[in-house]
């Protein structure tokens, strides 16, 4: 009997066709409520999710036949990984497929902050002409501090270096620079003190809480600009709002938020110097194709094992 696969979040159609062509029984059922997912999942041996589907204990307990969860993307924060593994369910992701797309979005946000692109767009649409107020900076010659120098951090470092930025990085798991001609590894305290732009590329650890809060903002140079295209919760959004309001932070760019969608009444959104996107780091045609292909490959190899 063919392995039954549930695709519970949108996936590239080519990936679905590839799995079907390999003889798998694939059902695409998106936008299910948690109750609908619990009722549906017992019939399946594998499931492919993105970020919308939450694979929590109640769902895993209902998944009587499940042996594989594939996160078509990088982060696993929507999956109770340890509990799934304790039930004999393998958990996989596709960490490399969206690297370039996220790095490009991060670079776009850096440029947006430097030249007030987002603020300029909003002000013109509102009938204002802030030509004198929106005096920006060049990124060439500036120091970019990257917190987390994994795949995405390295991809960003290459792009920033090519545009004339000096790149320093901190990673609590890496001491030796993976790109010695481009990236200088430094302690976090030095990165915070010296960087003109800071970009975060680390997971959110709920046990540790935000990696960047008031204490870290206090260590940064005045006028720093900060970007988070990693995970919501990595930055204390209340502390960020206060740091922007005080002038310590000249601007912030966020693709991810502690709660998604965020509360637009939060003090953070009262600040002018923001560049915001709705968690679209991997949302490119190219990345979606690679993510789907990698997810399909994992499932096909699982079925053929």
C-alpha atoms as a PDB file:
ATOM      1  CA  UNK A   1       0.000   0.000   0.000  1.00  0.00           C
ATOM      2  CA  UNK A   2       1.271   3.489  -0.893  1.00  0.00           C
ATOM      3  CA  UNK A   3       2.565   5.707   1.893  1.00  0.00           C
ATOM      4  CA  UNK A   4      -0.045   8.352   2.699  1.00  0.00           C
ATOM      5  CA  UNK A   5       1.220  11.908   2.896  1.00  0.00           C
ATOM      6  CA  UNK A   6      -0.695  14.936   4.180  1.00  0.00           C
ATOM      7  CA  UNK A   7       0.331  18.370   2.929  1.00  0.00           C
ATOM      8  CA  UNK A   8      -1.276  20.745   5.427  1.00  0.00           C
ATOM      9  CA  UNK A   9       0.228  24.052   4.287  1.00  0.00           C
ATOM     10  CA  UNK A  10       0.738  25.433   0.760  1.00  0.00           C
ATOM     11  CA  UNK A  11       3.524  23.646  -1.137  1.00  0.00           C
ATOM     12  CA  UNK A  12       4.798  24.066  -4.683  1.00  0.00           C
ATOM     13  CA  UNK A  13       2.614  22.030  -7.035  1.00  0.00           C
ATOM     14  CA  UNK A  14       5.710  20.537  -8.666  1.00  0.00           C
ATOM     15  CA  UNK A  15       6.674  18.997  -5.313  1.00  0.00           C
ATOM     16  CA  UNK A  16       3.229  17.454  -4.898  1.00  0.00           C
ATOM     17  CA  UNK A  17       3.390  16.064  -8.425  1.00  0.00           C
ATOM     18  CA  UNK A  18       6.854  14.646  -7.772  1.00  0.00           C
ATOM     19  CA  UNK A  19       5.638  12.726  -4.723  1.00  0.00           C
ATOM     20  CA  UNK A  20       2.609  11.420  -6.586  1.00  0.00           C
ATOM     21  CA  UNK A  21       4.843  10.392  -9.461  1.00  0.00           C
ATOM     22  CA  UNK A  22       6.922   8.384  -7.004  1.00  0.00           C
ATOM     23  CA  UNK A  23       3.840   6.395  -6.061  1.00  0.00           C
ATOM     24  CA  UNK A  24       2.881   8.173  -2.846  1.00  0.00           C
ATOM     25  CA  UNK A  25      -0.737   8.894  -1.936  1.00  0.00           C
ATOM     26  CA  UNK A  26      -0.682  12.644  -1.367  1.00  0.00           C
ATOM     27  CA  UNK A  27      -3.550  14.762  -0.068  1.00  0.00           C
ATOM     28  CA  UNK A  28      -3.370  18.549   0.088  1.00  0.00           C
ATOM     29  CA  UNK A  29      -5.595  19.911   2.844  1.00  0.00           C
ATOM     30  CA  UNK A  30      -4.668  23.426   3.896  1.00  0.00           C
ATOM     31  CA  UNK A  31      -6.195  25.938   6.308  1.00  0.00           C
ATOM     32  CA  UNK A  32      -7.463  23.247   8.667  1.00  0.00           C
ATOM     33  CA  UNK A  33      -8.407  24.180  12.208  1.00  0.00           C
ATOM     34  CA  UNK A  34      -6.584  22.324  15.014  1.00  0.00           C
ATOM     35  CA  UNK A  35      -9.711  20.222  15.521  1.00  0.00           C
ATOM     36  CA  UNK A  36      -9.891  19.339  11.821  1.00  0.00           C
ATOM     37  CA  UNK A  37      -6.211  18.413  11.817  1.00  0.00           C
ATOM     38  CA  UNK A  38      -6.666  16.140  14.840  1.00  0.00           C
ATOM     39  CA  UNK A  39      -9.561  14.415  13.097  1.00  0.00           C
ATOM     40  CA  UNK A  40      -7.649  14.067   9.811  1.00  0.00           C
ATOM     41  CA  UNK A  41      -4.117  13.117  10.798  1.00  0.00           C
ATOM     42  CA  UNK A  42      -4.664   9.514  12.022  1.00  0.00           C
ATOM     43  CA  UNK A  43      -4.817   8.319   8.412  1.00  0.00           C
ATOM     44  CA  UNK A  44      -1.337   9.538   7.455  1.00  0.00           C
ATOM     45  CA  UNK A  45       2.225   8.274   7.837  1.00  0.00           C
ATOM     46  CA  UNK A  46       3.914  11.544   6.845  1.00  0.00           C
ATOM     47  CA  UNK A  47       2.967  15.204   6.984  1.00  0.00           C
ATOM     48  CA  UNK A  48       4.522  18.261   5.354  1.00  0.00           C
ATOM     49  CA  UNK A  49       3.957  21.557   7.172  1.00  0.00           C
ATOM     50  CA  UNK A  50       5.171  25.115   6.846  1.00  0.00           C
ATOM     51  CA  UNK A  51       4.654  27.621   9.651  1.00  0.00           C
ATOM     52  CA  UNK A  52       0.856  27.748   9.866  1.00  0.00           C
ATOM     53  CA  UNK A  53       0.282  24.154  10.994  1.00  0.00           C
ATOM     54  CA  UNK A  54       1.115  23.646  14.676  1.00  0.00           C
ATOM     55  CA  UNK A  55       2.283  20.125  15.505  1.00  0.00           C
ATOM     56  CA  UNK A  56       1.664  20.183  19.236  1.00  0.00           C
ATOM     57  CA  UNK A  57       1.128  17.355  21.711  1.00  0.00           C
ATOM     58  CA  UNK A  58      -2.604  16.952  21.059  1.00  0.00           C
ATOM     59  CA  UNK A  59      -2.055  16.605  17.317  1.00  0.00           C
ATOM     60  CA  UNK A  60       0.888  14.235  17.760  1.00  0.00           C
ATOM     61  CA  UNK A  61      -1.131  12.089  20.168  1.00  0.00           C
ATOM     62  CA  UNK A  62      -3.857  11.801  17.529  1.00  0.00           C
ATOM     63  CA  UNK A  63      -1.361  10.827  14.810  1.00  0.00           C
ATOM     64  CA  UNK A  64      -1.569   7.075  15.351  1.00  0.00           C
ATOM     65  CA  UNK A  65       0.267   6.148  12.150  1.00  0.00           C
ATOM     66  CA  UNK A  66       2.562   9.139  11.743  1.00  0.00           C
ATOM     67  CA  UNK A  67       6.261   8.400  11.303  1.00  0.00           C
ATOM     68  CA  UNK A  68       7.591  11.585   9.654  1.00  0.00           C
ATOM     69  CA  UNK A  69       7.057  15.337  10.019  1.00  0.00           C
ATOM     70  CA  UNK A  70       8.726  17.532   7.417  1.00  0.00           C
ATOM     71  CA  UNK A  71       8.923  21.266   8.007  1.00  0.00           C
ATOM     72  CA  UNK A  72       9.164  22.828   4.558  1.00  0.00           C
ATOM     73  CA  UNK A  73      11.351  25.634   5.840  1.00  0.00           C
ATOM     74  CA  UNK A  74      13.953  26.276   8.512  1.00  0.00           C
ATOM     75  CA  UNK A  75      12.478  26.901  11.956  1.00  0.00           C
ATOM     76  CA  UNK A  76      10.918  24.116  13.998  1.00  0.00           C
ATOM     77  CA  UNK A  77       9.217  26.295  16.593  1.00  0.00           C
ATOM     78  CA  UNK A  78       5.750  25.211  15.406  1.00  0.00           C
ATOM     79  CA  UNK A  79       6.606  21.571  16.142  1.00  0.00           C
ATOM     80  CA  UNK A  80       7.028  19.901  19.529  1.00  0.00           C
ATOM     81  CA  UNK A  81      10.165  18.177  18.274  1.00  0.00           C
ATOM     82  CA  UNK A  82      11.229  16.341  21.419  1.00  0.00           C
ATOM     83  CA  UNK A  83       7.749  14.991  22.056  1.00  0.00           C
ATOM     84  CA  UNK A  84       7.381  13.836  18.455  1.00  0.00           C
ATOM     85  CA  UNK A  85      10.721  12.075  18.620  1.00  0.00           C
ATOM     86  CA  UNK A  86       9.735  10.430  21.901  1.00  0.00           C
ATOM     87  CA  UNK A  87       6.797   8.933  20.017  1.00  0.00           C
ATOM     88  CA  UNK A  88       9.112   7.533  17.344  1.00  0.00           C
ATOM     89  CA  UNK A  89       8.315  10.234  14.789  1.00  0.00           C
ATOM     90  CA  UNK A  90      11.204  11.600  12.744  1.00  0.00           C
ATOM     91  CA  UNK A  91      11.306  15.386  12.320  1.00  0.00           C
ATOM     92  CA  UNK A  92      13.092  16.948   9.340  1.00  0.00           C
ATOM     93  CA  UNK A  93      13.358  20.396   7.788  1.00  0.00           C
ATOM     94  CA  UNK A  94      14.807  22.058   4.675  1.00  0.00           C
ATOM     95  CA  UNK A  95      17.398  24.456   6.102  1.00  0.00           C
ATOM     96  CA  UNK A  96      19.306  25.392   2.968  1.00  0.00           C
ATOM     97  CA  UNK A  97      16.502  25.957   0.482  1.00  0.00           C
ATOM     98  CA  UNK A  98      15.560  29.502   1.497  1.00  0.00           C
ATOM     99  CA  UNK A  99      19.006  30.789   2.496  1.00  0.00           C
ATOM    100  CA  UNK A 100      19.516  33.195  -0.386  1.00  0.00           C
ATOM    101  CA  UNK A 101      15.980  34.563  -0.262  1.00  0.00           C
ATOM    102  CA  UNK A 102      16.213  35.409   3.437  1.00  0.00           C
ATOM    103  CA  UNK A 103      19.676  36.944   2.991  1.00  0.00           C
ATOM    104  CA  UNK A 104      18.408  39.106   0.117  1.00  0.00           C
ATOM    105  CA  UNK A 105      15.407  40.297   2.127  1.00  0.00           C
ATOM    106  CA  UNK A 106      17.706  41.175   5.027  1.00  0.00           C
ATOM    107  CA  UNK A 107      19.930  43.191   2.718  1.00  0.00           C
ATOM    108  CA  UNK A 108      16.851  44.905   1.328  1.00  0.00           C
ATOM    109  CA  UNK A 109      15.825  45.908   4.845  1.00  0.00           C
ATOM    110  CA  UNK A 110      19.325  47.235   5.559  1.00  0.00           C
ATOM    111  CA  UNK A 111      19.079  49.465   2.491  1.00  0.00           C
ATOM    112  CA  UNK A 112      15.525  50.447   3.419  1.00  0.00           C
ATOM    113  CA  UNK A 113      16.683  51.609   6.850  1.00  0.00           C
ATOM    114  CA  UNK A 114      19.730  53.387   5.476  1.00  0.00           C
ATOM    115  CA  UNK A 115      17.708  55.396   2.939  1.00  0.00           C
ATOM    116  CA  UNK A 116      14.255  55.545   4.605  1.00  0.00           C
ATOM    117  CA  UNK A 117      12.626  53.671   1.726  1.00  0.00           C
ATOM    118  CA  UNK A 118       9.712  52.306   3.740  1.00  0.00           C
ATOM    119  CA  UNK A 119       9.094  55.566   5.590  1.00  0.00           C
ATOM    120  CA  UNK A 120       9.320  57.532   2.345  1.00  0.00           C
ATOM    121  CA  UNK A 121       6.757  55.277   0.704  1.00  0.00           C
ATOM    122  CA  UNK A 122       4.284  55.698   3.562  1.00  0.00           C
ATOM    123  CA  UNK A 123       4.785  59.455   3.819  1.00  0.00           C
ATOM    124  CA  UNK A 124       4.224  60.078   0.111  1.00  0.00           C
ATOM    125  CA  UNK A 125       1.099  57.900   0.121  1.00  0.00           C
ATOM    126  CA  UNK A 126      -0.124  60.041   3.026  1.00  0.00           C
ATOM    127  CA  UNK A 127       0.398  63.216   1.010  1.00  0.00           C
ATOM    128  CA  UNK A 128       3.641  64.320   2.676  1.00  0.00           C
ATOM    129  CA  UNK A 129       6.935  65.319   1.073  1.00  0.00           C
ATOM    130  CA  UNK A 130       9.666  64.689   3.674  1.00  0.00           C
ATOM    131  CA  UNK A 131      12.649  65.365   1.454  1.00  0.00           C
ATOM    132  CA  UNK A 132      14.650  67.208   4.120  1.00  0.00           C
ATOM    133  CA  UNK A 133      13.671  64.909   6.983  1.00  0.00           C
ATOM    134  CA  UNK A 134      14.716  61.691   5.287  1.00  0.00           C
ATOM    135  CA  UNK A 135      18.467  62.254   5.253  1.00  0.00           C
ATOM    136  CA  UNK A 136      19.992  58.775   5.058  1.00  0.00           C
ATOM    137  CA  UNK A 137      23.390  57.134   5.247  1.00  0.00           C
ATOM    138  CA  UNK A 138      25.502  55.057   2.905  1.00  0.00           C
ATOM    139  CA  UNK A 139      26.117  51.456   3.901  1.00  0.00           C
ATOM    140  CA  UNK A 140      29.575  51.376   2.271  1.00  0.00           C
ATOM    141  CA  UNK A 141      32.177  51.787   5.001  1.00  0.00           C
ATOM    142  CA  UNK A 142      29.734  50.911   7.764  1.00  0.00           C
ATOM    143  CA  UNK A 143      30.114  47.957  10.136  1.00  0.00           C
ATOM    144  CA  UNK A 144      27.531  45.192   9.955  1.00  0.00           C
ATOM    145  CA  UNK A 145      27.291  42.968  13.022  1.00  0.00           C
ATOM    146  CA  UNK A 146      25.770  39.558  12.344  1.00  0.00           C
ATOM    147  CA  UNK A 147      24.521  37.590  15.333  1.00  0.00           C
ATOM    148  CA  UNK A 148      24.467  33.970  14.180  1.00  0.00           C
ATOM    149  CA  UNK A 149      26.848  33.136  11.330  1.00  0.00           C
ATOM    150  CA  UNK A 150      25.162  30.044   9.899  1.00  0.00           C
ATOM    151  CA  UNK A 151      24.002  29.622   6.306  1.00  0.00           C
ATOM    152  CA  UNK A 152      21.937  32.796   6.145  1.00  0.00           C
ATOM    153  CA  UNK A 153      24.414  34.865   8.121  1.00  0.00           C
ATOM    154  CA  UNK A 154      27.214  33.813   5.789  1.00  0.00           C
ATOM    155  CA  UNK A 155      25.144  34.557   2.684  1.00  0.00           C
ATOM    156  CA  UNK A 156      24.354  38.020   4.042  1.00  0.00           C
ATOM    157  CA  UNK A 157      28.010  38.605   4.952  1.00  0.00           C
ATOM    158  CA  UNK A 158      29.097  37.952   1.353  1.00  0.00           C
ATOM    159  CA  UNK A 159      26.511  40.350  -0.032  1.00  0.00           C
ATOM    160  CA  UNK A 160      27.258  43.085   2.504  1.00  0.00           C
ATOM    161  CA  UNK A 161      31.016  42.761   1.982  1.00  0.00           C
ATOM    162  CA  UNK A 162      30.517  43.104  -1.772  1.00  0.00           C
ATOM    163  CA  UNK A 163      28.784  46.433  -1.106  1.00  0.00           C
ATOM    164  CA  UNK A 164      31.674  47.739   0.964  1.00  0.00           C
ATOM    165  CA  UNK A 165      30.582  46.918   4.497  1.00  0.00           C
ATOM    166  CA  UNK A 166      32.926  45.687   7.228  1.00  0.00           C
ATOM    167  CA  UNK A 167      31.451  42.509   8.691  1.00  0.00           C
ATOM    168  CA  UNK A 168      31.859  41.262  12.259  1.00  0.00           C
ATOM    169  CA  UNK A 169      29.973  38.336  13.754  1.00  0.00           C
ATOM    170  CA  UNK A 170      29.182  36.595  16.987  1.00  0.00           C
ATOM    171  CA  UNK A 171      27.967  33.024  17.299  1.00  0.00           C
ATOM    172  CA  UNK A 172      27.897  31.169  20.589  1.00  0.00           C
ATOM    173  CA  UNK A 173      28.545  27.897  18.750  1.00  0.00           C
ATOM    174  CA  UNK A 174      31.275  29.092  16.356  1.00  0.00           C
ATOM    175  CA  UNK A 175      34.618  30.629  17.335  1.00  0.00           C
ATOM    176  CA  UNK A 176      36.518  30.396  14.047  1.00  0.00           C
ATOM    177  CA  UNK A 177      35.346  32.536  11.160  1.00  0.00           C
ATOM    178  CA  UNK A 178      33.738  30.461   8.377  1.00  0.00           C
ATOM    179  CA  UNK A 179      34.669  33.271   5.963  1.00  0.00           C
ATOM    180  CA  UNK A 180      38.043  34.531   7.218  1.00  0.00           C
ATOM    181  CA  UNK A 181      38.541  36.947   4.316  1.00  0.00           C
ATOM    182  CA  UNK A 182      35.158  38.563   4.972  1.00  0.00           C
ATOM    183  CA  UNK A 183      34.005  38.019   8.561  1.00  0.00           C
ATOM    184  CA  UNK A 184      35.826  38.774  11.828  1.00  0.00           C
ATOM    185  CA  UNK A 185      34.503  36.875  14.832  1.00  0.00           C
ATOM    186  CA  UNK A 186      34.160  39.051  17.940  1.00  0.00           C
ATOM    187  CA  UNK A 187      32.527  38.809  21.393  1.00  0.00           C
ATOM    188  CA  UNK A 188      28.911  39.911  21.500  1.00  0.00           C
ATOM    189  CA  UNK A 189      29.786  42.930  23.639  1.00  0.00           C
ATOM    190  CA  UNK A 190      32.190  44.221  20.989  1.00  0.00           C
ATOM    191  CA  UNK A 191      29.717  43.566  18.175  1.00  0.00           C
ATOM    192  CA  UNK A 192      27.023  45.557  19.970  1.00  0.00           C
ATOM    193  CA  UNK A 193      29.402  48.435  20.704  1.00  0.00           C
ATOM    194  CA  UNK A 194      30.942  48.746  17.232  1.00  0.00           C
ATOM    195  CA  UNK A 195      28.198  47.888  14.734  1.00  0.00           C
ATOM    196  CA  UNK A 196      26.323  50.495  12.713  1.00  0.00           C
ATOM    197  CA  UNK A 197      23.862  47.825  11.578  1.00  0.00           C
ATOM    198  CA  UNK A 198      23.010  44.626  13.458  1.00  0.00           C
ATOM    199  CA  UNK A 199      21.283  41.656  11.837  1.00  0.00           C
ATOM    200  CA  UNK A 200      20.003  38.685  13.811  1.00  0.00           C
ATOM    201  CA  UNK A 201      20.113  35.135  12.443  1.00  0.00           C
ATOM    202  CA  UNK A 202      19.478  32.965  15.489  1.00  0.00           C
ATOM    203  CA  UNK A 203      16.557  30.833  16.673  1.00  0.00           C
ATOM    204  CA  UNK A 204      14.287  31.922  19.492  1.00  0.00           C
ATOM    205  CA  UNK A 205      14.765  29.948  22.676  1.00  0.00           C
ATOM    206  CA  UNK A 206      11.681  30.342  24.895  1.00  0.00           C
ATOM    207  CA  UNK A 207      13.703  29.120  27.881  1.00  0.00           C
ATOM    208  CA  UNK A 208      16.159  32.000  27.495  1.00  0.00           C
ATOM    209  CA  UNK A 209      13.767  34.640  26.194  1.00  0.00           C
ATOM    210  CA  UNK A 210      14.786  37.553  23.943  1.00  0.00           C
ATOM    211  CA  UNK A 211      18.444  37.671  22.960  1.00  0.00           C
ATOM    212  CA  UNK A 212      18.266  41.438  22.539  1.00  0.00           C
ATOM    213  CA  UNK A 213      16.661  43.478  25.300  1.00  0.00           C
ATOM    214  CA  UNK A 214      17.267  46.700  27.199  1.00  0.00           C
ATOM    215  CA  UNK A 215      20.695  45.627  28.469  1.00  0.00           C
ATOM    216  CA  UNK A 216      21.886  44.894  24.941  1.00  0.00           C
ATOM    217  CA  UNK A 217      20.433  48.112  23.521  1.00  0.00           C
ATOM    218  CA  UNK A 218      22.289  50.036  26.220  1.00  0.00           C
ATOM    219  CA  UNK A 219      25.562  48.526  24.945  1.00  0.00           C
ATOM    220  CA  UNK A 220      24.956  49.580  21.326  1.00  0.00           C
ATOM    221  CA  UNK A 221      26.288  52.764  19.770  1.00  0.00           C
ATOM    222  CA  UNK A 222      23.859  55.650  19.349  1.00  0.00           C
ATOM    223  CA  UNK A 223      22.099  55.597  15.985  1.00  0.00           C
ATOM    224  CA  UNK A 224      22.427  51.859  15.394  1.00  0.00           C
ATOM    225  CA  UNK A 225      19.999  50.197  12.981  1.00  0.00           C
ATOM    226  CA  UNK A 226      18.767  46.682  13.697  1.00  0.00           C
ATOM    227  CA  UNK A 227      17.228  43.986  11.480  1.00  0.00           C
ATOM    228  CA  UNK A 228      15.422  40.786  12.460  1.00  0.00           C
ATOM    229  CA  UNK A 229      14.540  38.356   9.671  1.00  0.00           C
ATOM    230  CA  UNK A 230      15.133  35.359  11.945  1.00  0.00           C
ATOM    231  CA  UNK A 231      12.444  34.542  14.502  1.00  0.00           C
ATOM    232  CA  UNK A 232       9.912  36.555  16.444  1.00  0.00           C
ATOM    233  CA  UNK A 233      10.776  36.883  20.106  1.00  0.00           C
ATOM    234  CA  UNK A 234      14.520  37.219  19.494  1.00  0.00           C
ATOM    235  CA  UNK A 235      14.123  40.955  20.156  1.00  0.00           C
ATOM    236  CA  UNK A 236      12.190  42.347  23.116  1.00  0.00           C
ATOM    237  CA  UNK A 237       9.750  44.482  21.125  1.00  0.00           C
ATOM    238  CA  UNK A 238       8.900  46.721  24.081  1.00  0.00           C
ATOM    239  CA  UNK A 239      12.571  47.451  24.686  1.00  0.00           C
ATOM    240  CA  UNK A 240      13.036  48.070  20.963  1.00  0.00           C
ATOM    241  CA  UNK A 241      10.196  50.602  20.919  1.00  0.00           C
ATOM    242  CA  UNK A 242      11.780  52.434  23.849  1.00  0.00           C
ATOM    243  CA  UNK A 243      15.217  52.376  22.216  1.00  0.00           C
ATOM    244  CA  UNK A 244      13.840  53.888  18.992  1.00  0.00           C
ATOM    245  CA  UNK A 245      11.858  56.506  20.897  1.00  0.00           C
ATOM    246  CA  UNK A 246      14.971  57.548  22.838  1.00  0.00           C
ATOM    247  CA  UNK A 247      17.087  57.832  19.684  1.00  0.00           C
ATOM    248  CA  UNK A 248      19.448  55.041  20.721  1.00  0.00           C
ATOM    249  CA  UNK A 249      18.202  53.020  17.723  1.00  0.00           C
ATOM    250  CA  UNK A 250      17.851  55.018  14.505  1.00  0.00           C
ATOM    251  CA  UNK A 251      15.620  52.432  12.864  1.00  0.00           C
ATOM    252  CA  UNK A 252      14.491  48.833  12.941  1.00  0.00           C
ATOM    253  CA  UNK A 253      13.465  46.375  10.254  1.00  0.00           C
ATOM    254  CA  UNK A 254      11.369  43.362  11.154  1.00  0.00           C
ATOM    255  CA  UNK A 255      10.114  40.448   9.092  1.00  0.00           C
ATOM    256  CA  UNK A 256       9.118  38.416  12.164  1.00  0.00           C
ATOM    257  CA  UNK A 257       7.237  39.254  15.341  1.00  0.00           C
ATOM    258  CA  UNK A 258       6.660  37.757  18.781  1.00  0.00           C
ATOM    259  CA  UNK A 259       2.979  37.355  17.867  1.00  0.00           C
ATOM    260  CA  UNK A 260       1.949  37.007  14.250  1.00  0.00           C
ATOM    261  CA  UNK A 261       0.134  38.931  13.023  1.00  0.00           C
ATOM    262  CA  UNK A 262       1.300  41.558  15.533  1.00  0.00           C
ATOM    263  CA  UNK A 263      -0.837  43.970  17.522  1.00  0.00           C
ATOM    264  CA  UNK A 264      -0.683  47.213  15.549  1.00  0.00           C
ATOM    265  CA  UNK A 265      -1.555  49.114  18.729  1.00  0.00           C
ATOM    266  CA  UNK A 266       1.780  48.121  20.233  1.00  0.00           C
ATOM    267  CA  UNK A 267       4.074  51.078  21.115  1.00  0.00           C
ATOM    268  CA  UNK A 268       6.516  49.708  18.565  1.00  0.00           C
ATOM    269  CA  UNK A 269       4.263  50.645  15.671  1.00  0.00           C
ATOM    270  CA  UNK A 270       4.022  54.231  16.853  1.00  0.00           C
ATOM    271  CA  UNK A 271       7.673  54.677  15.814  1.00  0.00           C
ATOM    272  CA  UNK A 272       8.378  56.230  12.414  1.00  0.00           C
ATOM    273  CA  UNK A 273      11.689  54.616  11.511  1.00  0.00           C
ATOM    274  CA  UNK A 274      10.487  51.111  10.731  1.00  0.00           C
ATOM    275  CA  UNK A 275      10.765  48.817   7.722  1.00  0.00           C
ATOM    276  CA  UNK A 276       8.283  45.960   8.059  1.00  0.00           C
ATOM    277  CA  UNK A 277       7.334  42.837   6.117  1.00  0.00           C
ATOM    278  CA  UNK A 278       4.886  40.036   7.061  1.00  0.00           C
ATOM    279  CA  UNK A 279       7.251  37.062   7.565  1.00  0.00           C
ATOM    280  CA  UNK A 280       8.144  36.728   3.887  1.00  0.00           C
ATOM    281  CA  UNK A 281      11.823  35.783   4.162  1.00  0.00           C
ATOM    282  CA  UNK A 282      11.346  32.565   2.193  1.00  0.00           C
ATOM    283  CA  UNK A 283       8.515  33.872   0.024  1.00  0.00           C
ATOM    284  CA  UNK A 284      10.142  33.907  -3.384  1.00  0.00           C
ATOM    285  CA  UNK A 285       9.347  31.767  -6.394  1.00  0.00           C
ATOM    286  CA  UNK A 286      12.861  30.354  -6.336  1.00  0.00           C
ATOM    287  CA  UNK A 287      12.915  29.536  -2.625  1.00  0.00           C
ATOM    288  CA  UNK A 288       9.464  27.963  -2.704  1.00  0.00           C
ATOM    289  CA  UNK A 289      10.561  25.734  -5.566  1.00  0.00           C
ATOM    290  CA  UNK A 290      13.691  24.632  -3.700  1.00  0.00           C
ATOM    291  CA  UNK A 291      11.811  24.157  -0.411  1.00  0.00           C
ATOM    292  CA  UNK A 292       9.175  22.007  -2.107  1.00  0.00           C
ATOM    293  CA  UNK A 293      11.731  19.940  -3.979  1.00  0.00           C
ATOM    294  CA  UNK A 294      13.763  19.275  -0.832  1.00  0.00           C
ATOM    295  CA  UNK A 295      10.663  18.373   1.189  1.00  0.00           C
ATOM    296  CA  UNK A 296       9.477  16.005  -1.544  1.00  0.00           C
ATOM    297  CA  UNK A 297      12.898  14.351  -1.682  1.00  0.00           C
ATOM    298  CA  UNK A 298      12.853  13.733   2.080  1.00  0.00           C
ATOM    299  CA  UNK A 299       9.408  12.137   1.938  1.00  0.00           C
ATOM    300  CA  UNK A 300      10.230   9.983  -1.096  1.00  0.00           C
ATOM    301  CA  UNK A 301      13.428   8.717   0.532  1.00  0.00           C
ATOM    302  CA  UNK A 302      11.444   7.955   3.697  1.00  0.00           C
ATOM    303  CA  UNK A 303       8.844   5.998   1.705  1.00  0.00           C
ATOM    304  CA  UNK A 304      11.502   4.017  -0.099  1.00  0.00           C
ATOM    305  CA  UNK A 305      13.571   3.205   3.000  1.00  0.00           C
END
